[in-house]
Amino acid sequence: MPSYLAIYLKLSIWNNPLGLWILNTLSMFVLLQESLYGLKQAPRAWNERFSKYLLAYGFLNSVCDTSMFIYQKGDARMTLLVYVDDIILVGSLVALMNSFIGSLKTEFSMKDLGLLDYFLGIEVTYGSTSKKLLLTQNKYSLEILKKHDMMGCKPCKTPVSQGQRASVCDGTLLSDVASYRSLVGSLQYLTLTRPDISYAVNYVSQFLHCPTDVHLQLSIEVYQGITLSAGNGSELQDFSDSDWAGCPDTRKSTSGYCVFVGGNLVSWSSKKQQTISRSSTEAEYRGLANAAAEILWLSYLFEELLVHLSFPCKLFCDNQGAVSLTANPTFHARNKHIEVDYHMIRDLVRFGFIRVSYIHTSHQVADIFTKGLSKSQFSLLKSKLMPVVRTSV
């Protein structure tokens, strides 16, 4: 029974009692035979079917990321990432990959699109030496501009101006709230290759419940992307920063971190803290704990990929009080109100997994994730996050 027949019947005999009985009978029959596109259980059924095939072939499902599967046989390795029915396959031997792709074609109706160049809106450009990748979302960016009639807008040098932040009460409420929410939602996906706008997107997302014309005027420039180059995969560095009591409405702090592996930016975050911090040291300490948790997760992921990190991992912070707090547990009177889970970073420092070091604010790369900056400082930190790609790519 073709799946489209049941859907067509549902549309044509919806108000007919006999037709409803026939429809229910046909639907039950079809559901017993296959899972239909559009049904709530279809994605789960497809994922289960595909996962069982991969496990039977010899893949192991990653514990850290359930969408990743790893195949290991001697020195031969394959890593597979799946998003619904879109798949990326990476391997050490071309013959092994071709054999697996051939097996996939016999089991599923699929199409081999060749070398990765476009995936879920992300464009991939290869360097001349095949040791450098440029990840961009140029097409997606243009679609955002066209959708919201912003093709004629001029780019600005910084996504958020330096100084006083806007309040939720500023400006006049927008008549078209859906358009604002659609724009912000589109920008959230754009941060996959644009870490420099992460704070700006986090900033404007805080006004989704009652956006005004002031919030709509917070503009964001759209260009450039992430560059990945060959490097030492065992070296991990993390920069963590917090803006104490930066929100004028809640007085909560914003934390940000960025993780580099072999000189490549692989993970970043800009997020408002859940509770109010009583001091800048406390705000920085909470940010360090979040950054440490990300390092810990990445270490598990790299272990599954047989990438061995050099310990201790380096974590940089521009607050000396917070740095001392990670290694000195005697400040009980000053930090007894801080939740116990944030103190996990002390154990990681004591075990030698992480080394927290002080870094001057002028060199704090994560500063770009916590506040609006001047044009010169923003450009400097952006160049450290996203090196300018020249003719080599």
Protein backbone atom coordinates (compact mmCIF):
# COMPACT_ATOMS: atom_id res chain seq x y z
CA MET A 1 0.00 0.00 0.00
CA PRO A 2 1.72 3.22 -1.09
CA SER A 3 2.03 5.74 1.72
CA TYR A 4 0.64 8.61 -0.38
CA LEU A 5 -2.64 6.71 -0.89
CA ALA A 6 -3.49 6.81 2.81
CA ILE A 7 -2.70 10.53 2.91
CA TYR A 8 -4.84 11.20 -0.17
CA LEU A 9 -7.76 9.25 1.30
CA LYS A 10 -7.48 11.19 4.52
CA LEU A 11 -7.85 14.45 2.65
CA SER A 12 -10.78 13.37 0.47
CA ILE A 13 -13.06 11.42 2.86
CA TRP A 14 -12.40 13.19 6.12
CA ASN A 15 -16.10 14.02 6.69
CA ASN A 16 -17.44 10.63 5.63
CA PRO A 17 -18.05 8.14 8.55
CA LEU A 18 -17.56 5.11 6.30
CA GLY A 19 -14.53 6.75 4.79
CA LEU A 20 -13.06 7.35 8.23
CA TRP A 21 -13.43 3.66 9.06
CA ILE A 22 -11.72 2.71 5.77
CA LEU A 23 -9.00 5.27 6.42
CA ASN A 24 -8.29 3.93 9.90
CA THR A 25 -8.12 0.37 8.59
CA LEU A 26 -5.76 1.33 5.75
CA SER A 27 -3.61 3.44 8.06
CA MET A 28 -3.22 0.56 10.49
CA PHE A 29 -2.20 -1.71 7.64
CA VAL A 30 0.32 0.77 6.30
CA LEU A 31 1.80 1.46 9.72
CA LEU A 32 2.36 -2.25 10.17
CA GLN A 33 4.32 -2.36 6.94
CA GLU A 34 6.36 0.82 7.02
CA SER A 35 6.79 4.13 8.84
CA LEU A 36 5.40 7.05 6.86
CA TYR A 37 7.03 10.41 6.33
CA GLY A 38 5.29 13.08 8.37
CA LEU A 39 4.25 10.85 11.26
CA LYS A 40 5.69 11.56 14.70
CA GLN A 41 7.22 8.11 14.98
CA ALA A 42 8.82 8.15 11.51
CA PRO A 43 12.15 9.82 12.49
CA ARG A 44 12.58 7.47 15.45
CA ALA A 45 11.77 4.42 13.32
CA TRP A 46 14.21 5.51 10.59
CA ASN A 47 16.97 6.20 13.12
CA GLU A 48 16.46 2.81 14.72
CA ARG A 49 16.51 1.06 11.34
CA PHE A 50 19.67 2.85 10.18
CA SER A 51 21.44 2.47 13.52
CA LYS A 52 20.81 -1.28 13.60
CA TYR A 53 22.34 -1.62 10.15
CA LEU A 54 25.46 0.35 11.15
CA LEU A 55 25.92 -1.65 14.35
CA ALA A 56 25.54 -4.90 12.43
CA TYR A 57 28.16 -3.71 9.93
CA GLY A 58 30.66 -3.18 12.76
CA PHE A 59 30.22 0.46 13.74
CA LEU A 60 30.07 1.54 17.36
CA ASN A 61 27.71 4.29 18.46
CA SER A 62 29.48 7.19 20.17
CA VAL A 63 28.58 7.72 23.82
CA CYS A 64 29.30 11.46 23.66
CA ASP A 65 27.38 12.12 20.45
CA THR A 66 24.64 9.67 19.51
CA SER A 67 24.62 10.92 15.91
CA MET A 68 28.22 9.74 15.41
CA PHE A 69 29.27 6.16 14.59
CA ILE A 70 32.86 4.90 14.59
CA TYR A 71 34.28 1.91 12.70
CA GLN A 72 37.66 0.47 13.65
CA LYS A 73 39.38 -2.53 12.07
CA GLY A 74 43.12 -2.61 12.53
CA ASP A 75 44.53 0.67 11.24
CA ALA A 76 41.45 1.30 9.09
CA ARG A 77 38.94 3.76 10.51
CA MET A 78 35.69 5.34 9.42
CA THR A 79 33.64 7.99 11.18
CA LEU A 80 30.04 8.59 10.17
CA LEU A 81 27.82 11.51 11.14
CA VAL A 82 24.09 11.32 10.43
CA TYR A 83 21.39 13.98 10.58
CA VAL A 84 18.04 12.40 9.67
CA ASP A 85 18.88 11.17 6.12
CA ASP A 86 21.96 13.35 5.47
CA ILE A 87 25.26 11.57 6.08
CA ILE A 88 28.93 12.59 6.26
CA LEU A 89 31.49 9.80 6.01
CA VAL A 90 35.20 10.23 6.80
CA GLY A 91 37.72 7.41 6.54
CA SER A 92 41.41 6.56 6.43
CA LEU A 93 41.17 4.25 3.39
CA VAL A 94 39.31 5.09 0.19
CA ALA A 95 38.79 1.40 -0.65
CA LEU A 96 37.15 0.78 2.72
CA MET A 97 34.83 3.77 2.27
CA ASN A 98 33.85 2.69 -1.25
CA SER A 99 33.08 -0.82 0.01
CA PHE A 100 30.86 0.57 2.76
CA ILE A 101 29.08 2.97 0.40
CA GLY A 102 28.38 0.06 -1.96
CA SER A 103 26.90 -1.89 0.94
CA LEU A 104 24.71 1.08 1.84
CA LYS A 105 23.37 1.29 -1.69
CA THR A 106 22.28 -2.34 -1.62
CA GLU A 107 20.42 -1.82 1.67
CA PHE A 108 18.95 1.65 1.17
CA SER A 109 17.91 3.88 -1.69
CA MET A 110 20.64 6.51 -1.51
CA LYS A 111 22.72 8.88 -3.60
CA ASP A 112 26.46 9.43 -3.29
CA LEU A 113 27.08 13.19 -3.60
CA GLY A 114 30.87 12.83 -3.66
CA LEU A 115 33.32 15.10 -1.85
CA LEU A 116 31.69 17.19 0.86
CA ASP A 117 30.86 20.69 -0.37
CA TYR A 118 27.46 21.51 1.16
CA PHE A 119 25.80 20.13 4.28
CA LEU A 120 22.74 21.51 6.09
CA GLY A 121 23.34 25.02 4.76
CA ILE A 122 27.09 24.96 5.48
CA GLU A 123 29.37 25.44 2.46
CA VAL A 124 32.79 23.75 2.43
CA THR A 125 35.73 25.15 0.45
CA TYR A 126 39.03 23.27 0.25
CA GLY A 127 42.50 24.79 0.33
CA SER A 128 45.06 24.23 -2.41
CA THR A 129 47.02 21.80 -0.22
CA SER A 130 43.91 19.94 1.05
CA LYS A 131 45.04 20.75 4.60
CA LYS A 132 42.67 23.66 5.08
CA LEU A 133 38.89 23.94 5.08
CA LEU A 134 36.73 27.04 5.00
CA LEU A 135 33.21 26.65 6.42
CA THR A 136 30.75 29.38 5.47
CA GLN A 137 27.02 30.01 5.21
CA ASN A 138 27.03 32.59 2.43
CA LYS A 139 23.93 31.25 0.68
CA TYR A 140 22.05 31.02 3.95
CA SER A 141 23.12 34.56 4.88
CA LEU A 142 21.80 35.93 1.59
CA GLU A 143 18.52 34.11 2.10
CA ILE A 144 18.14 35.81 5.50
CA LEU A 145 18.79 39.24 3.98
CA LYS A 146 16.33 38.66 1.13
CA LYS A 147 13.63 37.29 3.40
CA HIS A 148 13.74 40.32 5.68
CA ASP A 149 14.30 42.88 2.90
CA MET A 150 17.79 43.87 4.09
CA MET A 151 19.82 43.45 0.89
CA GLY A 152 20.51 47.19 0.74
CA CYS A 153 21.72 47.48 4.33
CA LYS A 154 25.31 48.48 4.97
CA PRO A 155 27.48 46.23 7.19
CA CYS A 156 28.61 47.58 10.56
CA LYS A 157 32.04 47.10 12.10
CA THR A 158 30.77 45.60 15.36
CA PRO A 159 27.55 43.63 15.92
CA VAL A 160 26.90 45.30 19.32
CA SER A 161 28.03 48.80 20.21
CA GLN A 162 30.14 49.38 23.27
CA GLY A 163 28.51 50.88 26.36
CA GLN A 164 25.11 50.68 28.02
CA ARG A 165 23.00 47.70 27.03
CA ALA A 166 19.39 48.04 25.91
CA SER A 167 16.63 47.22 28.38
CA VAL A 168 13.53 45.17 27.72
CA CYS A 169 11.51 48.34 28.36
CA ASP A 170 13.24 50.49 25.72
CA GLY A 171 11.39 51.47 22.55
CA THR A 172 7.93 50.80 21.18
CA LEU A 173 6.50 47.30 20.86
CA LEU A 174 6.60 45.90 17.33
CA SER A 175 3.35 45.14 15.54
CA ASP A 176 4.93 42.20 13.69
CA VAL A 177 6.48 40.13 16.48
CA ALA A 178 6.72 37.00 14.31
CA SER A 179 9.12 38.68 11.86
CA TYR A 180 11.52 39.62 14.67
CA ARG A 181 11.46 36.10 16.10
CA SER A 182 12.03 34.62 12.67
CA LEU A 183 15.06 36.87 12.12
CA VAL A 184 16.60 36.01 15.48
CA GLY A 185 15.97 32.30 14.94
CA SER A 186 17.73 32.48 11.58
CA LEU A 187 20.72 34.24 13.15
CA GLN A 188 21.00 31.54 15.81
CA TYR A 189 21.72 28.96 13.10
CA LEU A 190 24.18 31.36 11.48
CA THR A 191 26.40 31.21 14.59
CA LEU A 192 27.50 27.73 13.46
CA THR A 193 30.14 29.43 11.31
CA ARG A 194 30.01 32.93 12.79
CA PRO A 195 31.22 32.74 16.41
CA ASP A 196 31.87 36.50 16.39
CA ILE A 197 28.12 37.22 16.41
CA SER A 198 27.31 34.73 19.20
CA TYR A 199 27.04 37.41 21.87
CA ALA A 200 24.93 39.65 19.63
CA VAL A 201 22.51 36.80 18.89
CA ASN A 202 22.35 35.88 22.58
CA TYR A 203 21.71 39.57 23.30
CA VAL A 204 18.78 40.04 20.91
CA SER A 205 17.32 36.63 21.85
CA GLN A 206 16.56 37.99 25.31
CA PHE A 207 13.83 40.24 23.85
CA LEU A 208 11.86 37.58 21.99
CA HIS A 209 8.90 37.81 24.37
CA CYS A 210 8.33 41.55 23.76
CA PRO A 211 10.55 42.96 20.97
CA THR A 212 10.58 46.70 20.28
CA ASP A 213 11.87 48.92 17.48
CA VAL A 214 15.07 49.50 19.50
CA HIS A 215 15.80 45.78 19.58
CA LEU A 216 15.12 45.48 15.87
CA GLN A 217 17.74 48.14 15.12
CA LEU A 218 20.49 46.03 16.70
CA SER A 219 22.20 45.17 13.41
CA ILE A 220 24.64 42.37 12.61
CA GLU A 221 27.18 42.20 9.80
CA VAL A 222 27.19 39.09 7.60
CA TYR A 223 30.39 37.76 6.03
CA GLN A 224 33.43 35.46 6.57
CA GLY A 225 33.46 31.97 8.10
CA ILE A 226 35.37 29.37 10.10
CA THR A 227 38.77 28.16 8.89
CA LEU A 228 40.08 24.72 9.84
CA SER A 229 43.76 23.95 9.25
CA ALA A 230 45.97 20.95 9.92
CA GLY A 231 47.58 21.17 13.33
CA ASN A 232 48.50 19.37 16.53
CA GLY A 233 45.23 17.75 17.60
CA SER A 234 46.54 17.00 21.09
CA GLU A 235 46.85 20.64 22.16
CA LEU A 236 43.67 22.08 23.68
CA GLN A 237 43.26 25.65 24.89
CA ASP A 238 40.17 27.26 26.37
CA PHE A 239 39.48 30.95 27.08
CA SER A 240 36.75 31.82 29.58
CA ASP A 241 35.28 35.23 30.41
CA SER A 242 32.23 36.76 32.12
CA ASP A 243 30.60 40.16 32.13
CA TRP A 244 29.50 40.78 35.73
CA ALA A 245 25.89 41.96 36.17
CA GLY A 246 25.73 43.06 32.54
CA CYS A 247 21.96 42.66 32.09
CA PRO A 248 20.23 45.93 33.13
CA ASP A 249 16.95 44.12 33.82
CA THR A 250 17.98 41.04 35.82
CA ARG A 251 21.58 41.98 36.81
CA LYS A 252 22.67 38.51 35.74
CA SER A 253 26.08 37.98 34.18
CA THR A 254 26.91 36.69 30.71
CA SER A 255 29.55 33.97 30.37
CA GLY A 256 31.45 32.98 27.27
CA TYR A 257 34.17 30.55 26.31
CA CYS A 258 36.00 29.41 23.18
CA VAL A 259 37.95 26.18 22.77
CA PHE A 260 40.85 25.78 20.35
CA VAL A 261 42.32 22.41 19.31
CA GLY A 262 45.54 22.58 17.31
CA GLY A 263 44.93 26.30 16.79
CA ASN A 264 41.43 25.70 15.34
CA LEU A 265 38.28 27.01 16.98
CA VAL A 266 36.06 23.96 17.64
CA SER A 267 33.59 25.05 20.32
CA TRP A 268 32.23 28.33 21.70
CA SER A 269 29.38 29.66 23.80
CA SER A 270 27.75 32.91 24.90
CA LYS A 271 25.09 32.46 27.56
CA LYS A 272 23.47 34.37 30.40
CA GLN A 273 24.06 32.78 33.80
CA GLN A 274 21.05 31.29 35.60
CA THR A 275 21.64 33.05 38.93
CA ILE A 276 22.92 36.45 40.05
CA SER A 277 26.59 36.56 41.05
CA ARG A 278 27.59 38.63 44.08
CA SER A 279 30.97 39.61 42.65
CA SER A 280 32.98 39.59 39.44
CA THR A 281 35.09 36.76 40.89
CA GLU A 282 32.00 34.62 41.40
CA ALA A 283 30.76 35.37 37.88
CA GLU A 284 34.14 34.40 36.42
CA TYR A 285 34.29 31.27 38.57
CA ARG A 286 30.91 30.09 37.29
CA GLY A 287 32.10 30.73 33.74
CA LEU A 288 35.26 28.70 34.39
CA ALA A 289 33.16 25.76 35.60
CA ASN A 290 31.10 25.81 32.40
CA ALA A 291 34.25 25.99 30.28
CA ALA A 292 35.76 23.09 32.23
CA ALA A 293 32.65 20.99 31.60
CA GLU A 294 33.03 21.59 27.85
CA ILE A 295 36.70 20.54 27.99
CA LEU A 296 35.73 17.39 29.87
CA TRP A 297 33.13 16.49 27.23
CA LEU A 298 35.57 17.14 24.39
CA SER A 299 38.16 14.91 26.06
CA TYR A 300 35.66 12.04 26.08
CA LEU A 301 34.83 12.67 22.43
CA PHE A 302 38.49 12.74 21.40
CA GLU A 303 39.14 9.55 23.35
CA GLU A 304 36.51 7.79 21.25
CA LEU A 305 38.20 9.16 18.12
CA LEU A 306 41.59 7.91 19.43
CA VAL A 307 42.92 11.47 19.66
CA HIS A 308 45.09 11.72 22.76
CA LEU A 309 45.15 15.14 24.43
CA SER A 310 48.18 16.57 26.20
CA PHE A 311 47.39 17.18 29.86
CA PRO A 312 46.85 19.41 31.64
CA CYS A 313 44.54 21.26 29.27
CA LYS A 314 45.04 25.03 29.37
CA LEU A 315 42.21 27.25 30.61
CA PHE A 316 42.73 31.02 30.62
CA CYS A 317 40.87 33.58 32.73
CA ASP A 318 41.43 37.33 33.23
CA ASN A 319 40.28 37.38 36.88
CA GLN A 320 42.98 36.52 39.40
CA GLY A 321 40.44 35.93 42.17
CA ALA A 322 38.66 33.27 40.13
CA VAL A 323 41.98 31.65 39.20
CA SER A 324 42.92 31.43 42.88
CA LEU A 325 39.50 30.07 43.78
CA THR A 326 40.00 27.06 41.49
CA ALA A 327 43.09 25.96 43.40
CA ASN A 328 42.46 27.27 46.94
CA PRO A 329 39.53 25.62 48.78
CA THR A 330 40.07 27.62 51.98
CA PHE A 331 37.92 30.60 50.89
CA HIS A 332 34.86 28.88 52.38
CA ALA A 333 33.30 31.97 53.91
CA ARG A 334 33.38 33.77 50.55
CA ASN A 335 32.00 31.01 48.35
CA LYS A 336 29.81 28.82 50.56
CA HIS A 337 26.73 30.10 48.72
CA ILE A 338 27.99 28.88 45.32
CA GLU A 339 26.35 25.67 44.12
CA VAL A 340 28.38 22.52 44.70
CA ASP A 341 28.39 21.53 41.01
CA TYR A 342 30.48 24.59 40.13
CA HIS A 343 33.25 23.37 42.41
CA MET A 344 33.94 20.40 40.12
CA ILE A 345 36.63 22.50 38.49
CA ARG A 346 38.68 22.25 41.69
CA ASP A 347 38.83 18.47 41.33
CA LEU A 348 39.88 18.78 37.70
CA VAL A 349 42.68 21.16 38.69
CA ARG A 350 43.79 18.94 41.57
CA PHE A 351 43.87 15.83 39.35
CA GLY A 352 46.01 17.64 36.78
CA PHE A 353 43.36 17.51 34.05
CA ILE A 354 43.15 21.31 33.73
CA ARG A 355 45.56 24.12 34.52
CA VAL A 356 43.88 27.49 35.03
CA SER A 357 46.12 30.45 34.23
CA TYR A 358 45.68 34.20 34.37
CA ILE A 359 45.65 36.17 31.13
CA HIS A 360 45.46 39.92 30.68
CA THR A 361 42.08 41.28 29.59
CA SER A 362 43.56 42.70 26.38
CA HIS A 363 44.45 39.15 25.29
CA GLN A 364 41.24 37.50 26.51
CA VAL A 365 39.72 36.08 23.31
CA ALA A 366 36.48 35.10 25.06
CA ASP A 367 35.79 38.79 25.75
CA ILE A 368 34.01 38.88 22.39
CA PHE A 369 31.31 36.54 23.78
CA THR A 370 30.35 38.60 26.82
CA LYS A 371 29.95 42.27 25.90
CA GLY A 372 29.97 44.94 23.20
CA LEU A 373 33.49 46.03 22.24
CA SER A 374 35.17 48.90 20.46
CA LYS A 375 35.86 48.56 16.76
CA SER A 376 39.61 47.98 17.23
CA GLN A 377 39.24 45.42 20.03
CA PHE A 378 36.45 43.56 18.25
CA SER A 379 38.50 43.33 15.03
CA LEU A 380 41.53 42.09 16.98
CA LEU A 381 39.65 39.34 18.81
CA LYS A 382 37.74 38.38 15.68
CA SER A 383 41.01 37.87 13.81
CA LYS A 384 42.13 35.48 16.55
CA LEU A 385 38.88 33.54 16.38
CA MET A 386 38.53 33.53 12.59
CA PRO A 387 41.79 34.13 10.70
CA VAL A 388 41.28 35.93 7.39
CA VAL A 389 41.32 33.47 4.48
CA ARG A 390 43.49 34.61 1.58
CA THR A 391 44.27 33.17 -1.86
CA SER A 392 45.30 29.77 -0.46
CA VAL A 393 41.63 28.83 -0.26
